[in-house]
Amino acid sequence: MSKVPTAAYSIGLRIVLDNVPGTLGRFAVAIGEAGGNIAGATGFEAKGPSVSRTIDIHARDEAHGRKLVEVANTLPGVTVVEWWDRTFRIHEGGKIEVLPLCGVADAHDLAMAYTPGVARVCMAIHDDIARAHDYTIKKNTVAIVSDGTAVLGLGDIGPEAAMPVMEGKALLFKEFAGVDGFPICLDTKDPEEIIETVERIAPTFGGINLEDIAAPACFTIEDTLKERLDIPVFHDDQHGTAVVTLAGLTNSLKLIDKKPE
């Protein structure tokens, strides 16, 4: 349980307030006294007998969030129309999607984006496979591969339960680096099956990001894929940690004007 209210356990409340002096103040004080932290609210313009607004409140954990709803429900002049867990809400329907880069407004567009025009591009790649990096998503798309055996601090929770984390990593790739990542959660723990699967899907991607695969299998999988594939293979839990550690060490040495040796 978090000791302080945090966005990770925040709730959203849609409330109706009686438009009389003190109603909003009583609500804010009651939430604060119950340990909640009001983090956001839609703009107020009090007209008519009541005001309907959405309030975002940080809580310490799930039970605390439910308690804050109960507190709001007991206040005179305050009606809780609905409430929701904000973390679960942003995951509804997943956190990523595929969007088109070109329009298909008429038959002319369709003839270029799909058949018959697409056949020319297919044959250009057939004649020179390297051109796949120019004319497909391959140049900017990474497979985020996991078997769900070492997810965050949760351990072996399986491929379906690992999906929110892999979607989150794809979201970070796009938001902070402009790279398109796609989650591939595999229903196997067999290193050879994982290796074989990644080998077979590799032509679609420009790189492979191995994520949350338990040791020692993760090392075997990484080493084998590096040998067999002609695209970069990055193991997030090992390489990512090493990169951050080395960056911290390098910057700290710069701050004190020292060299690594």
Protein backbone atom coordinates (compact mmCIF):
# COMPACT_ATOMS: atom_id res chain seq x y z
CA MET A 1 0.00 0.00 0.00
CA SER A 2 1.22 3.48 -0.84
CA LYS A 3 1.72 5.71 2.21
CA VAL A 4 0.75 8.82 0.29
CA PRO A 5 -1.97 9.39 -2.31
CA THR A 6 -0.77 8.63 -5.83
CA ALA A 7 -2.08 8.78 -9.38
CA ALA A 8 -1.62 5.00 -9.65
CA TYR A 9 -4.64 4.57 -7.35
CA SER A 10 -6.57 7.67 -8.37
CA ILE A 11 -10.32 7.73 -8.86
CA GLY A 12 -12.64 9.90 -10.92
CA LEU A 13 -15.89 11.22 -9.48
CA ARG A 14 -18.75 12.78 -11.41
CA ILE A 15 -20.63 14.75 -8.81
CA VAL A 16 -23.54 17.16 -8.65
CA LEU A 17 -23.17 19.98 -6.10
CA ASP A 18 -26.01 22.10 -4.78
CA ASN A 19 -25.30 25.66 -5.87
CA VAL A 20 -25.22 27.11 -2.36
CA PRO A 21 -22.29 28.61 -0.44
CA GLY A 22 -20.01 26.10 1.27
CA THR A 23 -20.94 22.95 -0.67
CA LEU A 24 -17.71 22.73 -2.66
CA GLY A 25 -15.69 23.70 0.40
CA ARG A 26 -17.25 20.93 2.53
CA PHE A 27 -16.50 18.44 -0.21
CA ALA A 28 -12.83 19.48 -0.50
CA VAL A 29 -12.31 19.49 3.29
CA ALA A 30 -13.94 16.08 3.72
CA ILE A 31 -11.81 14.51 1.00
CA GLY A 32 -8.66 16.04 2.48
CA GLU A 33 -9.49 14.90 6.00
CA ALA A 34 -10.05 11.38 4.66
CA GLY A 35 -6.53 11.40 3.19
CA GLY A 36 -7.42 12.04 -0.43
CA ASN A 37 -5.68 14.57 -2.65
CA ILE A 38 -7.81 16.43 -5.20
CA ALA A 39 -5.62 16.46 -8.31
CA GLY A 40 -7.92 17.97 -10.90
CA ALA A 41 -11.40 19.27 -11.61
CA THR A 42 -13.28 20.51 -14.63
CA GLY A 43 -13.90 24.26 -14.69
CA PHE A 44 -16.60 25.74 -12.51
CA GLU A 45 -19.23 28.21 -13.63
CA ALA A 46 -22.05 28.14 -11.13
CA LYS A 47 -25.38 28.74 -12.85
CA GLY A 48 -28.73 27.31 -11.85
CA PRO A 49 -29.56 25.27 -8.74
CA SER A 50 -26.74 22.72 -9.14
CA VAL A 51 -23.31 22.25 -10.67
CA SER A 52 -22.14 18.99 -12.29
CA ARG A 53 -18.39 18.44 -12.43
CA THR A 54 -15.75 15.69 -12.69
CA ILE A 55 -13.16 15.53 -9.91
CA ASP A 56 -9.90 13.54 -10.00
CA ILE A 57 -8.69 12.35 -6.58
CA HIS A 58 -5.45 10.56 -5.69
CA ALA A 59 -5.82 7.71 -3.18
CA ARG A 60 -3.39 5.48 -1.27
CA ASP A 61 -4.76 2.17 -2.53
CA GLU A 62 -7.96 0.61 -3.91
CA ALA A 63 -9.64 0.36 -0.50
CA HIS A 64 -8.84 3.99 0.21
CA GLY A 65 -10.37 4.99 -3.12
CA ARG A 66 -13.61 3.23 -2.22
CA LYS A 67 -13.54 4.93 1.19
CA LEU A 68 -13.28 8.34 -0.46
CA VAL A 69 -16.37 7.58 -2.52
CA GLU A 70 -18.23 6.65 0.67
CA VAL A 71 -17.15 9.93 2.26
CA ALA A 72 -18.43 11.91 -0.73
CA ASN A 73 -21.75 10.08 -0.62
CA THR A 74 -22.38 11.16 3.00
CA LEU A 75 -22.00 14.88 2.35
CA PRO A 76 -25.14 17.06 2.27
CA GLY A 77 -25.60 18.83 -1.02
CA VAL A 78 -23.26 16.41 -2.85
CA THR A 79 -24.52 13.63 -5.16
CA VAL A 80 -22.07 11.10 -6.58
CA VAL A 81 -23.46 10.25 -10.02
CA GLU A 82 -20.68 7.77 -10.85
CA TRP A 83 -17.07 6.98 -10.03
CA TRP A 84 -14.28 4.97 -11.64
CA ASP A 85 -10.73 3.76 -11.19
CA ARG A 86 -8.71 6.09 -13.44
CA THR A 87 -5.89 3.56 -13.97
CA PHE A 88 -8.26 0.86 -15.18
CA ARG A 89 -10.13 3.36 -17.34
CA ILE A 90 -7.04 4.36 -19.37
CA HIS A 91 -6.45 0.65 -20.06
CA GLU A 92 -9.98 0.05 -21.39
CA GLY A 93 -9.69 -1.25 -24.94
CA GLY A 94 -5.89 -1.24 -24.68
CA LYS A 95 -3.47 1.69 -24.87
CA ILE A 96 -2.30 1.52 -28.48
CA GLU A 97 -3.83 1.26 -31.95
CA VAL A 98 -2.84 1.04 -35.61
CA LEU A 99 -3.43 4.17 -37.67
CA PRO A 100 -3.14 4.63 -41.46
CA LEU A 101 -0.36 6.80 -42.88
CA CYS A 102 -2.10 7.34 -46.18
CA GLY A 103 -5.68 8.01 -47.14
CA VAL A 104 -7.88 5.77 -49.28
CA ALA A 105 -10.48 8.24 -50.46
CA ASP A 106 -11.25 6.76 -53.87
CA ALA A 107 -10.44 4.00 -56.35
CA HIS A 108 -7.24 5.75 -57.42
CA ASP A 109 -5.85 5.73 -53.87
CA LEU A 110 -6.91 2.10 -53.47
CA ALA A 111 -5.15 1.15 -56.70
CA MET A 112 -1.87 2.49 -55.31
CA ALA A 113 -2.16 1.43 -51.65
CA TYR A 114 -3.50 -2.02 -52.53
CA THR A 115 -4.06 -4.00 -55.68
CA PRO A 116 -2.93 -3.70 -58.44
CA GLY A 117 -0.29 -1.04 -57.61
CA VAL A 118 1.02 -2.75 -54.49
CA ALA A 119 2.30 -5.61 -56.62
CA ARG A 120 5.01 -3.33 -58.04
CA VAL A 121 6.28 -2.57 -54.55
CA CYS A 122 6.18 -6.26 -53.62
CA MET A 123 8.35 -7.16 -56.59
CA ALA A 124 10.78 -4.32 -55.87
CA ILE A 125 11.33 -5.81 -52.41
CA HIS A 126 11.53 -9.30 -53.89
CA ASP A 127 14.38 -8.12 -56.09
CA ASP A 128 16.12 -6.31 -53.22
CA ILE A 129 15.03 -7.37 -49.72
CA ALA A 130 16.78 -4.35 -48.15
CA ARG A 131 14.09 -2.15 -49.71
CA ALA A 132 11.63 -3.53 -47.13
CA HIS A 133 13.14 -0.94 -44.80
CA ASP A 134 12.06 1.79 -47.21
CA TYR A 135 8.61 0.62 -48.25
CA THR A 136 7.14 -1.21 -45.22
CA ILE A 137 6.72 -0.62 -41.49
CA LYS A 138 9.84 -2.69 -40.89
CA LYS A 139 12.15 0.33 -40.64
CA ASN A 140 10.41 1.73 -37.56
CA THR A 141 8.64 -1.21 -35.91
CA VAL A 142 9.84 -3.30 -32.97
CA ALA A 143 8.39 -6.54 -31.64
CA ILE A 144 7.99 -6.46 -27.86
CA VAL A 145 8.23 -10.16 -27.01
CA SER A 146 7.39 -11.73 -23.66
CA ASP A 147 6.25 -15.05 -22.23
CA GLY A 148 4.93 -13.38 -19.07
CA THR A 149 7.25 -15.26 -16.73
CA ALA A 150 8.94 -12.29 -15.01
CA VAL A 151 6.56 -9.35 -15.25
CA LEU A 152 7.62 -6.36 -13.15
CA GLY A 153 7.53 -7.52 -9.53
CA LEU A 154 4.58 -9.81 -10.19
CA GLY A 155 6.49 -12.88 -11.38
CA ASP A 156 5.02 -15.53 -13.68
CA ILE A 157 1.54 -14.23 -14.47
CA GLY A 158 1.14 -15.56 -18.01
CA PRO A 159 0.96 -13.96 -21.47
CA GLU A 160 -2.52 -12.42 -21.22
CA ALA A 161 -1.80 -10.71 -17.90
CA ALA A 162 1.52 -9.46 -19.30
CA MET A 163 -0.22 -7.58 -22.13
CA PRO A 164 -0.84 -4.30 -20.24
CA VAL A 165 2.89 -4.01 -19.51
CA MET A 166 3.87 -4.77 -23.11
CA GLU A 167 1.29 -2.27 -24.38
CA GLY A 168 2.74 0.24 -21.94
CA LYS A 169 6.22 -0.33 -23.33
CA ALA A 170 4.87 0.18 -26.86
CA LEU A 171 3.27 3.41 -25.67
CA LEU A 172 6.61 4.62 -24.26
CA PHE A 173 8.44 3.71 -27.48
CA LYS A 174 6.01 5.80 -29.51
CA GLU A 175 5.68 8.71 -27.09
CA PHE A 176 9.36 9.21 -26.32
CA ALA A 177 11.19 7.86 -29.39
CA GLY A 178 8.67 7.83 -32.22
CA VAL A 179 9.18 4.07 -32.62
CA ASP A 180 6.23 1.79 -33.34
CA GLY A 181 6.24 -1.16 -30.95
CA PHE A 182 3.86 -4.09 -31.06
CA PRO A 183 3.31 -6.48 -28.12
CA ILE A 184 3.82 -10.18 -28.85
CA CYS A 185 2.91 -12.25 -25.78
CA LEU A 186 3.64 -15.93 -26.33
CA ASP A 187 1.81 -18.84 -24.74
CA THR A 188 4.92 -20.92 -24.14
CA LYS A 189 7.79 -21.02 -21.65
CA ASP A 190 9.97 -23.24 -23.81
CA PRO A 191 13.08 -21.27 -24.89
CA GLU A 192 13.34 -23.15 -28.17
CA GLU A 193 9.71 -22.44 -29.03
CA ILE A 194 10.17 -18.76 -28.20
CA ILE A 195 13.31 -18.61 -30.35
CA GLU A 196 11.58 -20.35 -33.25
CA THR A 197 8.53 -18.08 -33.02
CA VAL A 198 10.61 -14.90 -32.99
CA GLU A 199 12.68 -16.17 -35.93
CA ARG A 200 9.50 -16.73 -37.95
CA ILE A 201 8.01 -13.28 -37.26
CA ALA A 202 11.32 -11.40 -37.57
CA PRO A 203 10.86 -10.40 -41.27
CA THR A 204 8.09 -8.01 -40.20
CA PHE A 205 10.17 -6.09 -37.68
CA GLY A 206 13.23 -3.87 -37.62
CA GLY A 207 14.22 -5.02 -34.13
CA ILE A 208 13.30 -7.38 -31.31
CA ASN A 209 12.79 -6.20 -27.73
CA LEU A 210 12.76 -9.10 -25.27
CA GLU A 211 10.77 -8.17 -22.19
CA ASP A 212 10.06 -9.77 -18.82
CA ILE A 213 11.32 -13.27 -19.63
CA ALA A 214 12.61 -15.12 -16.58
CA ALA A 215 16.27 -16.08 -16.14
CA PRO A 216 18.13 -18.15 -17.13
CA ALA A 217 16.03 -18.78 -20.26
CA CYS A 218 16.20 -15.08 -21.19
CA PHE A 219 19.97 -15.28 -21.71
CA THR A 220 19.73 -18.35 -23.95
CA ILE A 221 16.97 -16.76 -25.98
CA GLU A 222 18.84 -13.50 -26.42
CA ASP A 223 22.17 -15.08 -27.37
CA THR A 224 20.58 -17.47 -29.86
CA LEU A 225 18.49 -14.78 -31.55
CA LYS A 226 21.50 -12.51 -31.87
CA GLU A 227 23.30 -15.28 -33.73
CA ARG A 228 20.42 -16.16 -36.03
CA LEU A 229 18.80 -12.80 -36.84
CA ASP A 230 20.09 -9.92 -38.95
CA ILE A 231 18.20 -7.29 -36.94
CA PRO A 232 19.01 -5.88 -33.47
CA VAL A 233 17.94 -7.91 -30.42
CA PHE A 234 17.60 -5.94 -27.19
CA HIS A 235 16.87 -7.50 -23.81
CA ASP A 236 15.19 -4.74 -21.86
CA ASP A 237 15.69 -6.13 -18.37
CA GLN A 238 19.43 -6.66 -18.90
CA HIS A 239 20.48 -4.06 -21.48
CA GLY A 240 18.08 -1.41 -20.22
CA THR A 241 19.35 -1.74 -16.65
CA ALA A 242 22.95 -1.69 -17.86
CA VAL A 243 22.36 1.43 -19.98
CA VAL A 244 20.75 3.33 -17.10
CA THR A 245 23.47 2.26 -14.65
CA LEU A 246 26.26 3.23 -17.03
CA ALA A 247 24.57 6.56 -17.80
CA GLY A 248 24.32 7.31 -14.08
CA LEU A 249 27.96 6.42 -13.52
CA THR A 250 29.12 8.45 -16.52
CA ASN A 251 27.18 11.54 -15.50
CA SER A 252 28.29 11.31 -11.87
CA LEU A 253 31.92 11.19 -12.98
CA LYS A 254 31.36 14.27 -15.12
CA LEU A 255 29.91 16.12 -12.15
CA ILE A 256 33.00 15.46 -10.01
CA ASP A 257 35.39 15.89 -12.96
CA LYS A 258 36.78 12.36 -12.87
CA LYS A 259 37.44 9.74 -15.55
CA PRO A 260 36.24 6.09 -15.45
CA GLU A 261 39.77 4.77 -15.10
